[in-house]
C-alpha cells in the first residue's frame, strides 16, 4: 500500500488531470489523518477547499473506490490564516 490513501488519490488525480490544473489545485494539499471512514487533508485557503469540492469530488470519490475505500469521505480543512477572495 502507498504511504497513505491521500497519496493514492493524488496519483490517480495526477493521471486524470492536466498537469497545470493538478498543480494549481492539489500540490498544496497535505495529508493530515485517516480515521478509517474520514480522511482529513489540509488545504491553504477556503477558496481552494470550495473549488476542490465543487469541481473534483466525483474524481476523488472514484479514486477512493479504486483504492478499496468507497465508504471513506475526504474532509478538507483550511490550514492557513486568512482566506483568499472568492473566485
PDB file of N, CA and C in Angstrom:
ATOM      1  N   UNK A   1       0.850  -1.190   0.000  1.00  0.00           N
ATOM      2  CA  UNK A   1       0.000   0.000   0.000  1.00  0.00           C
ATOM      3  C   UNK A   1       0.891   1.247   0.000  1.00  0.00           C
ATOM      4  N   UNK A   2       0.382   2.317  -0.583  1.00  0.00           N
ATOM      5  CA  UNK A   2       1.162   3.552  -0.624  1.00  0.00           C
ATOM      6  C   UNK A   2       1.286   4.148   0.771  1.00  0.00           C
ATOM      7  N   UNK A   3       2.054   5.223   0.891  1.00  0.00           N
ATOM      8  CA  UNK A   3       2.308   5.854   2.184  1.00  0.00           C
ATOM      9  C   UNK A   3       1.007   6.142   2.930  1.00  0.00           C
ATOM     10  N   UNK A   4       0.043   6.681   2.247  1.00  0.00           N
ATOM     11  CA  UNK A   4      -1.284   6.889   2.824  1.00  0.00           C
ATOM     12  C   UNK A   4      -2.283   6.981   1.687  1.00  0.00           C
ATOM     13  N   UNK A   5      -3.547   6.889   2.025  1.00  0.00           N
ATOM     14  CA  UNK A   5      -4.578   6.859   0.996  1.00  0.00           C
ATOM     15  C   UNK A   5      -4.613   8.158   0.189  1.00  0.00           C
ATOM     16  N   UNK A   6      -4.315   9.303   0.799  1.00  0.00           N
ATOM     17  CA  UNK A   6      -4.345  10.556   0.046  1.00  0.00           C
ATOM     18  C   UNK A   6      -3.301  10.548  -1.063  1.00  0.00           C
ATOM     19  N   UNK A   7      -2.127   9.966  -0.810  1.00  0.00           N
ATOM     20  CA  UNK A   7      -1.124   9.870  -1.876  1.00  0.00           C
ATOM     21  C   UNK A   7      -1.651   9.016  -3.032  1.00  0.00           C
ATOM     22  N   UNK A   8      -2.393   7.967  -2.709  1.00  0.00           N
ATOM     23  CA  UNK A   8      -3.006   7.149  -3.751  1.00  0.00           C
ATOM     24  C   UNK A   8      -4.041   7.922  -4.549  1.00  0.00           C
ATOM     25  N   UNK A   9      -4.850   8.719  -3.851  1.00  0.00           N
ATOM     26  CA  UNK A   9      -5.837   9.568  -4.536  1.00  0.00           C
ATOM     27  C   UNK A   9      -5.107  10.560  -5.446  1.00  0.00           C
ATOM     28  N   UNK A  10      -4.061  11.193  -4.931  1.00  0.00           N
ATOM     29  CA  UNK A  10      -3.311  12.163  -5.741  1.00  0.00           C
ATOM     30  C   UNK A  10      -2.708  11.515  -6.977  1.00  0.00           C
ATOM     31  N   UNK A  11      -2.200  10.298  -6.862  1.00  0.00           N
ATOM     32  CA  UNK A  11      -1.645   9.602  -8.026  1.00  0.00           C
ATOM     33  C   UNK A  11      -2.698   9.443  -9.109  1.00  0.00           C
ATOM     34  N   UNK A  12      -3.899   9.087  -8.708  1.00  0.00           N
ATOM     35  CA  UNK A  12      -4.981   8.915  -9.685  1.00  0.00           C
ATOM     36  C   UNK A  12      -5.423  10.252 -10.278  1.00  0.00           C
ATOM     37  N   UNK A  13      -5.509  11.279  -9.453  1.00  0.00           N
ATOM     38  CA  UNK A  13      -5.884  12.599  -9.965  1.00  0.00           C
ATOM     39  C   UNK A  13      -4.831  13.130 -10.929  1.00  0.00           C
ATOM     40  N   UNK A  14      -3.572  12.915 -10.594  1.00  0.00           N
ATOM     41  CA  UNK A  14      -2.473  13.387 -11.444  1.00  0.00           C
ATOM     42  C   UNK A  14      -2.588  12.799 -12.845  1.00  0.00           C
ATOM     43  N   UNK A  15      -2.971  11.545 -12.942  1.00  0.00           N
ATOM     44  CA  UNK A  15      -3.072  10.915 -14.262  1.00  0.00           C
ATOM     45  C   UNK A  15      -4.345  11.332 -15.000  1.00  0.00           C
ATOM     46  N   UNK A  16      -5.349  11.852 -14.286  1.00  0.00           N
ATOM     47  CA  UNK A  16      -6.620  12.220 -14.906  1.00  0.00           C
ATOM     48  C   UNK A  16      -6.704  13.696 -15.301  1.00  0.00           C
ATOM     49  N   UNK A  17      -5.846  14.527 -14.717  1.00  0.00           N
ATOM     50  CA  UNK A  17      -5.943  15.974 -14.916  1.00  0.00           C
ATOM     51  C   UNK A  17      -4.768  16.519 -15.718  1.00  0.00           C
ATOM     52  N   UNK A  18      -4.985  17.674 -16.321  1.00  0.00           N
ATOM     53  CA  UNK A  18      -3.914  18.418 -16.966  1.00  0.00           C
ATOM     54  C   UNK A  18      -2.870  18.756 -15.890  1.00  0.00           C
ATOM     55  N   UNK A  19      -1.574  18.672 -16.195  1.00  0.00           N
ATOM     56  CA  UNK A  19      -0.550  18.928 -15.175  1.00  0.00           C
ATOM     57  C   UNK A  19      -0.680  20.284 -14.472  1.00  0.00           C
ATOM     58  N   UNK A  20      -1.002  21.326 -15.212  1.00  0.00           N
ATOM     59  CA  UNK A  20      -1.141  22.650 -14.595  1.00  0.00           C
ATOM     60  C   UNK A  20      -2.367  22.699 -13.682  1.00  0.00           C
ATOM     61  N   UNK A  21      -3.442  22.074 -14.098  1.00  0.00           N
ATOM     62  CA  UNK A  21      -4.652  22.011 -13.275  1.00  0.00           C
ATOM     63  C   UNK A  21      -4.375  21.249 -11.976  1.00  0.00           C
ATOM     64  N   UNK A  22      -3.688  20.126 -12.095  1.00  0.00           N
ATOM     65  CA  UNK A  22      -3.338  19.357 -10.904  1.00  0.00           C
ATOM     66  C   UNK A  22      -2.455  20.183  -9.968  1.00  0.00           C
ATOM     67  N   UNK A  23      -1.439  20.821 -10.532  1.00  0.00           N
ATOM     68  CA  UNK A  23      -0.529  21.619  -9.715  1.00  0.00           C
ATOM     69  C   UNK A  23      -1.279  22.726  -8.989  1.00  0.00           C
ATOM     70  N   UNK A  24      -2.137  23.405  -9.704  1.00  0.00           N
ATOM     71  CA  UNK A  24      -2.849  24.550  -9.119  1.00  0.00           C
ATOM     72  C   UNK A  24      -3.727  24.154  -7.938  1.00  0.00           C
ATOM     73  N   UNK A  25      -4.444  23.041  -8.055  1.00  0.00           N
ATOM     74  CA  UNK A  25      -5.434  22.706  -7.030  1.00  0.00           C
ATOM     75  C   UNK A  25      -4.977  21.659  -6.023  1.00  0.00           C
ATOM     76  N   UNK A  26      -4.000  20.836  -6.374  1.00  0.00           N
ATOM     77  CA  UNK A  26      -3.671  19.730  -5.471  1.00  0.00           C
ATOM     78  C   UNK A  26      -2.245  19.725  -4.927  1.00  0.00           C
ATOM     79  N   UNK A  27      -1.311  20.466  -5.527  1.00  0.00           N
ATOM     80  CA  UNK A  27       0.058  20.481  -4.999  1.00  0.00           C
ATOM     81  C   UNK A  27       0.126  21.014  -3.576  1.00  0.00           C
ATOM     82  N   UNK A  28      -0.770  21.902  -3.217  1.00  0.00           N
ATOM     83  CA  UNK A  28      -0.740  22.490  -1.884  1.00  0.00           C
ATOM     84  C   UNK A  28      -1.496  21.704  -0.826  1.00  0.00           C
ATOM     85  N   UNK A  29      -2.027  20.549  -1.196  1.00  0.00           N
ATOM     86  CA  UNK A  29      -2.747  19.747  -0.204  1.00  0.00           C
ATOM     87  C   UNK A  29      -1.769  18.907   0.593  1.00  0.00           C
ATOM     88  N   UNK A  30      -2.158  18.553   1.810  1.00  0.00           N
ATOM     89  CA  UNK A  30      -1.298  17.728   2.652  1.00  0.00           C
ATOM     90  C   UNK A  30      -2.154  16.794   3.496  1.00  0.00           C
ATOM     91  N   UNK A  31      -1.766  15.545   3.507  1.00  0.00           N
ATOM     92  CA  UNK A  31      -2.439  14.536   4.322  1.00  0.00           C
ATOM     93  C   UNK A  31      -2.322  14.903   5.793  1.00  0.00           C
ATOM     94  N   UNK A  32      -3.442  14.813   6.518  1.00  0.00           N
ATOM     95  CA  UNK A  32      -3.432  15.087   7.957  1.00  0.00           C
ATOM     96  C   UNK A  32      -3.700  13.829   8.765  1.00  0.00           C
ATOM     97  N   UNK A  33      -4.783  13.094   8.436  1.00  0.00           N
ATOM     98  CA  UNK A  33      -5.104  11.891   9.209  1.00  0.00           C
ATOM     99  C   UNK A  33      -6.095  11.017   8.458  1.00  0.00           C
ATOM    100  N   UNK A  34      -6.228   9.791   8.960  1.00  0.00           N
ATOM    101  CA  UNK A  34      -7.157   8.821   8.387  1.00  0.00           C
ATOM    102  C   UNK A  34      -7.755   8.021   9.534  1.00  0.00           C
ATOM    103  N   UNK A  35      -9.044   8.237   9.800  1.00  0.00           N
ATOM    104  CA  UNK A  35      -9.704   7.529  10.896  1.00  0.00           C
ATOM    105  C   UNK A  35     -10.469   6.312  10.407  1.00  0.00           C
ATOM    106  N   UNK A  36     -10.284   5.956   9.141  1.00  0.00           N
ATOM    107  CA  UNK A  36     -10.995   4.827   8.570  1.00  0.00           C
ATOM    108  C   UNK A  36     -12.132   5.287   7.685  1.00  0.00           C
ATOM    109  N   UNK A  37     -13.091   5.995   8.257  1.00  0.00           N
ATOM    110  CA  UNK A  37     -14.206   6.482   7.448  1.00  0.00           C
ATOM    111  C   UNK A  37     -14.029   7.935   7.033  1.00  0.00           C
ATOM    112  N   UNK A  38     -13.036   8.612   7.595  1.00  0.00           N
ATOM    113  CA  UNK A  38     -12.784  10.013   7.233  1.00  0.00           C
ATOM    114  C   UNK A  38     -11.290  10.269   7.070  1.00  0.00           C
ATOM    115  N   UNK A  39     -10.944  10.809   5.917  1.00  0.00           N
ATOM    116  CA  UNK A  39      -9.561  11.180   5.619  1.00  0.00           C
ATOM    117  C   UNK A  39      -9.506  12.698   5.675  1.00  0.00           C
ATOM    118  N   UNK A  40      -8.623  13.233   6.490  1.00  0.00           N
ATOM    119  CA  UNK A  40      -8.504  14.684   6.631  1.00  0.00           C
ATOM    120  C   UNK A  40      -7.297  15.162   5.842  1.00  0.00           C
ATOM    121  N   UNK A  41      -7.530  16.204   5.040  1.00  0.00           N
ATOM    122  CA  UNK A  41      -6.495  16.760   4.173  1.00  0.00           C
ATOM    123  C   UNK A  41      -6.459  18.262   4.387  1.00  0.00           C
ATOM    124  N   UNK A  42      -5.253  18.806   4.585  1.00  0.00           N
ATOM    125  CA  UNK A  42      -5.076  20.246   4.739  1.00  0.00           C
ATOM    126  C   UNK A  42      -5.049  20.916   3.369  1.00  0.00           C
ATOM    127  N   UNK A  43      -5.672  22.090   3.275  1.00  0.00           N
ATOM    128  CA  UNK A  43      -5.583  22.953   2.092  1.00  0.00           C
ATOM    129  C   UNK A  43      -5.231  24.358   2.567  1.00  0.00           C
ATOM    130  N   UNK A  44      -4.748  25.204   1.650  1.00  0.00           N
ATOM    131  CA  UNK A  44      -4.242  26.524   2.032  1.00  0.00           C
ATOM    132  C   UNK A  44      -5.302  27.595   2.223  1.00  0.00           C
ATOM    133  N   UNK A  45      -6.455  27.432   1.597  1.00  0.00           N
ATOM    134  CA  UNK A  45      -7.451  28.501   1.689  1.00  0.00           C
ATOM    135  C   UNK A  45      -8.858  27.942   1.522  1.00  0.00           C
ATOM    136  N   UNK A  46      -9.813  28.739   1.956  1.00  0.00           N
ATOM    137  CA  UNK A  46     -11.216  28.373   1.806  1.00  0.00           C
ATOM    138  C   UNK A  46     -11.608  28.303   0.333  1.00  0.00           C
ATOM    139  N   UNK A  47     -11.070  29.185  -0.489  1.00  0.00           N
ATOM    140  CA  UNK A  47     -11.426  29.142  -1.911  1.00  0.00           C
ATOM    141  C   UNK A  47     -10.912  27.872  -2.582  1.00  0.00           C
ATOM    142  N   UNK A  48      -9.732  27.398  -2.200  1.00  0.00           N
ATOM    143  CA  UNK A  48      -9.219  26.127  -2.739  1.00  0.00           C
ATOM    144  C   UNK A  48     -10.108  24.983  -2.259  1.00  0.00           C
ATOM    145  N   UNK A  49     -10.475  24.993  -0.995  1.00  0.00           N
ATOM    146  CA  UNK A  49     -11.332  23.942  -0.435  1.00  0.00           C
ATOM    147  C   UNK A  49     -12.648  23.875  -1.214  1.00  0.00           C
ATOM    148  N   UNK A  50     -13.274  25.022  -1.416  1.00  0.00           N
ATOM    149  CA  UNK A  50     -14.546  25.059  -2.141  1.00  0.00           C
ATOM    150  C   UNK A  50     -14.380  24.590  -3.588  1.00  0.00           C
ATOM    151  N   UNK A  51     -13.328  25.044  -4.236  1.00  0.00           N
ATOM    152  CA  UNK A  51     -13.112  24.675  -5.639  1.00  0.00           C
ATOM    153  C   UNK A  51     -12.931  23.162  -5.777  1.00  0.00           C
ATOM    154  N   UNK A  52     -12.144  22.579  -4.921  1.00  0.00           N
ATOM    155  CA  UNK A  52     -11.930  21.131  -4.971  1.00  0.00           C
ATOM    156  C   UNK A  52     -13.253  20.396  -4.768  1.00  0.00           C
ATOM    157  N   UNK A  53     -14.032  20.812  -3.776  1.00  0.00           N
ATOM    158  CA  UNK A  53     -15.306  20.133  -3.511  1.00  0.00           C
ATOM    159  C   UNK A  53     -16.271  20.251  -4.686  1.00  0.00           C
ATOM    160  N   UNK A  54     -16.355  21.422  -5.285  1.00  0.00           N
ATOM    161  CA  UNK A  54     -17.308  21.646  -6.379  1.00  0.00           C
ATOM    162  C   UNK A  54     -16.875  20.932  -7.662  1.00  0.00           C
ATOM    163  N   UNK A  55     -15.577  20.990  -7.969  1.00  0.00           N
ATOM    164  CA  UNK A  55     -15.118  20.522  -9.270  1.00  0.00           C
ATOM    165  C   UNK A  55     -14.494  19.131  -9.291  1.00  0.00           C
ATOM    166  N   UNK A  56     -14.028  18.636  -8.164  1.00  0.00           N
ATOM    167  CA  UNK A  56     -13.264  17.388  -8.192  1.00  0.00           C
ATOM    168  C   UNK A  56     -13.813  16.279  -7.294  1.00  0.00           C
ATOM    169  N   UNK A  57     -14.896  16.522  -6.590  1.00  0.00           N
ATOM    170  CA  UNK A  57     -15.413  15.495  -5.691  1.00  0.00           C
ATOM    171  C   UNK A  57     -15.708  14.168  -6.398  1.00  0.00           C
ATOM    172  N   UNK A  58     -16.321  14.170  -7.591  1.00  0.00           N
ATOM    173  CA  UNK A  58     -16.559  12.883  -8.264  1.00  0.00           C
ATOM    174  C   UNK A  58     -15.262  12.126  -8.586  1.00  0.00           C
ATOM    175  N   UNK A  59     -14.220  12.848  -8.999  1.00  0.00           N
ATOM    176  CA  UNK A  59     -12.933  12.189  -9.275  1.00  0.00           C
ATOM    177  C   UNK A  59     -12.313  11.640  -7.998  1.00  0.00           C
ATOM    178  N   UNK A  60     -12.436  12.368  -6.904  1.00  0.00           N
ATOM    179  CA  UNK A  60     -11.905  11.909  -5.619  1.00  0.00           C
ATOM    180  C   UNK A  60     -12.652  10.664  -5.171  1.00  0.00           C
ATOM    181  N   UNK A  61     -13.974  10.682  -5.297  1.00  0.00           N
ATOM    182  CA  UNK A  61     -14.775   9.505  -4.922  1.00  0.00           C
ATOM    183  C   UNK A  61     -14.402   8.292  -5.774  1.00  0.00           C
ATOM    184  N   UNK A  62     -14.195   8.509  -7.069  1.00  0.00           N
ATOM    185  CA  UNK A  62     -13.793   7.417  -7.959  1.00  0.00           C
ATOM    186  C   UNK A  62     -12.429   6.855  -7.549  1.00  0.00           C
ATOM    187  N   UNK A  63     -11.504   7.739  -7.198  1.00  0.00           N
ATOM    188  CA  UNK A  63     -10.184   7.291  -6.757  1.00  0.00           C
ATOM    189  C   UNK A  63     -10.288   6.483  -5.466  1.00  0.00           C
ATOM    190  N   UNK A  64     -11.122   6.918  -4.540  1.00  0.00           N
ATOM    191  CA  UNK A  64     -11.305   6.172  -3.293  1.00  0.00           C
ATOM    192  C   UNK A  64     -11.876   4.780  -3.558  1.00  0.00           C
ATOM    193  N   UNK A  65     -12.823   4.680  -4.474  1.00  0.00           N
ATOM    194  CA  UNK A  65     -13.363   3.363  -4.829  1.00  0.00           C
ATOM    195  C   UNK A  65     -12.266   2.477  -5.408  1.00  0.00           C
ATOM    196  N   UNK A  66     -11.433   3.044  -6.273  1.00  0.00           N
ATOM    197  CA  UNK A  66     -10.337   2.280  -6.883  1.00  0.00           C
ATOM    198  C   UNK A  66      -9.326   1.813  -5.841  1.00  0.00           C
ATOM    199  N   UNK A  67      -9.235   2.546  -4.742  1.00  0.00           N
ATOM    200  CA  UNK A  67      -8.306   2.198  -3.653  1.00  0.00           C
ATOM    201  C   UNK A  67      -8.986   1.346  -2.569  1.00  0.00           C
ATOM    202  N   UNK A  68     -10.152   0.817  -2.887  1.00  0.00           N
ATOM    203  CA  UNK A  68     -10.923  -0.012  -1.953  1.00  0.00           C
ATOM    204  C   UNK A  68     -11.307   0.731  -0.681  1.00  0.00           C
ATOM    205  N   UNK A  69     -11.603   2.026  -0.833  1.00  0.00           N
ATOM    206  CA  UNK A  69     -12.067   2.844   0.294  1.00  0.00           C
ATOM    207  C   UNK A  69     -13.361   3.570  -0.086  1.00  0.00           C
ATOM    208  N   UNK A  70     -14.362   2.852  -0.624  1.00  0.00           N
ATOM    209  CA  UNK A  70     -15.563   3.521  -1.128  1.00  0.00           C
ATOM    210  C   UNK A  70     -16.390   4.222  -0.058  1.00  0.00           C
ATOM    211  N   UNK A  71     -16.265   3.809   1.194  1.00  0.00           N
ATOM    212  CA  UNK A  71     -17.061   4.413   2.261  1.00  0.00           C
ATOM    213  C   UNK A  71     -16.344   5.542   2.982  1.00  0.00           C
ATOM    214  N   UNK A  72     -15.124   5.850   2.556  1.00  0.00           N
ATOM    215  CA  UNK A  72     -14.369   6.936   3.201  1.00  0.00           C
ATOM    216  C   UNK A  72     -14.748   8.276   2.590  1.00  0.00           C
ATOM    217  N   UNK A  73     -14.802   9.278   3.423  1.00  0.00           N
ATOM    218  CA  UNK A  73     -15.025  10.651   2.987  1.00  0.00           C
ATOM    219  C   UNK A  73     -13.747  11.444   3.216  1.00  0.00           C
ATOM    220  N   UNK A  74     -13.476  12.392   2.312  1.00  0.00           N
ATOM    221  CA  UNK A  74     -12.331  13.283   2.488  1.00  0.00           C
ATOM    222  C   UNK A  74     -12.852  14.598   3.036  1.00  0.00           C
ATOM    223  N   UNK A  75     -12.273  15.022   4.140  1.00  0.00           N
ATOM    224  CA  UNK A  75     -12.619  16.312   4.741  1.00  0.00           C
ATOM    225  C   UNK A  75     -11.444  17.242   4.511  1.00  0.00           C
ATOM    226  N   UNK A  76     -11.694  18.359   3.837  1.00  0.00           N
ATOM    227  CA  UNK A  76     -10.655  19.349   3.570  1.00  0.00           C
ATOM    228  C   UNK A  76     -10.727  20.431   4.629  1.00  0.00           C
ATOM    229  N   UNK A  77      -9.589  20.682   5.275  1.00  0.00           N
ATOM    230  CA  UNK A  77      -9.511  21.649   6.362  1.00  0.00           C
ATOM    231  C   UNK A  77      -8.511  22.733   5.971  1.00  0.00           C
ATOM    232  N   UNK A  78      -8.929  23.980   6.115  1.00  0.00           N
ATOM    233  CA  UNK A  78      -8.051  25.103   5.785  1.00  0.00           C
ATOM    234  C   UNK A  78      -6.992  25.231   6.860  1.00  0.00           C
ATOM    235  N   UNK A  79      -5.732  25.207   6.428  1.00  0.00           N
ATOM    236  CA  UNK A  79      -4.628  25.240   7.392  1.00  0.00           C
ATOM    237  C   UNK A  79      -3.990  26.597   7.542  1.00  0.00           C
ATOM    238  N   UNK A  80      -4.288  27.531   6.624  1.00  0.00           N
ATOM    239  CA  UNK A  80      -3.651  28.841   6.672  1.00  0.00           C
ATOM    240  C   UNK A  80      -4.457  29.845   7.454  1.00  0.00           C
ATOM    241  N   UNK A  81      -3.848  30.970   7.716  1.00  0.00           N
ATOM    242  CA  UNK A  81      -4.546  32.100   8.344  1.00  0.00           C
ATOM    243  C   UNK A  81      -5.116  32.935   7.242  1.00  0.00           C
ATOM    244  N   UNK A  82      -6.342  33.406   7.383  1.00  0.00           N
ATOM    245  CA  UNK A  82      -6.942  34.245   6.366  1.00  0.00           C
ATOM    246  C   UNK A  82      -7.410  33.417   5.202  1.00  0.00           C
ATOM    247  N   UNK A  83      -8.290  33.997   4.432  1.00  0.00           N
ATOM    248  CA  UNK A  83      -8.867  33.286   3.307  1.00  0.00           C
ATOM    249  C   UNK A  83      -8.665  34.090   2.042  1.00  0.00           C
ATOM    250  N   UNK A  84      -8.568  33.373   0.925  1.00  0.00           N
ATOM    251  CA  UNK A  84      -8.487  34.022  -0.381  1.00  0.00           C
ATOM    252  C   UNK A  84      -9.838  34.643  -0.700  1.00  0.00           C
ATOM    253  N   UNK A  85      -9.837  35.597  -1.592  1.00  0.00           N
ATOM    254  CA  UNK A  85     -11.090  36.163  -2.077  1.00  0.00           C
ATOM    255  C   UNK A  85     -11.857  35.106  -2.835  1.00  0.00           C
ATOM    256  N   UNK A  86     -13.144  35.279  -2.921  1.00  0.00           N
ATOM    257  CA  UNK A  86     -13.959  34.356  -3.704  1.00  0.00           C
ATOM    258  C   UNK A  86     -13.486  34.364  -5.137  1.00  0.00           C
ATOM    259  N   UNK A  87     -13.668  33.220  -5.792  1.00  0.00           N
ATOM    260  CA  UNK A  87     -13.245  33.089  -7.191  1.00  0.00           C
ATOM    261  C   UNK A  87     -14.151  33.837  -8.106  1.00  0.00           C
TER     262      UNK A  87
END
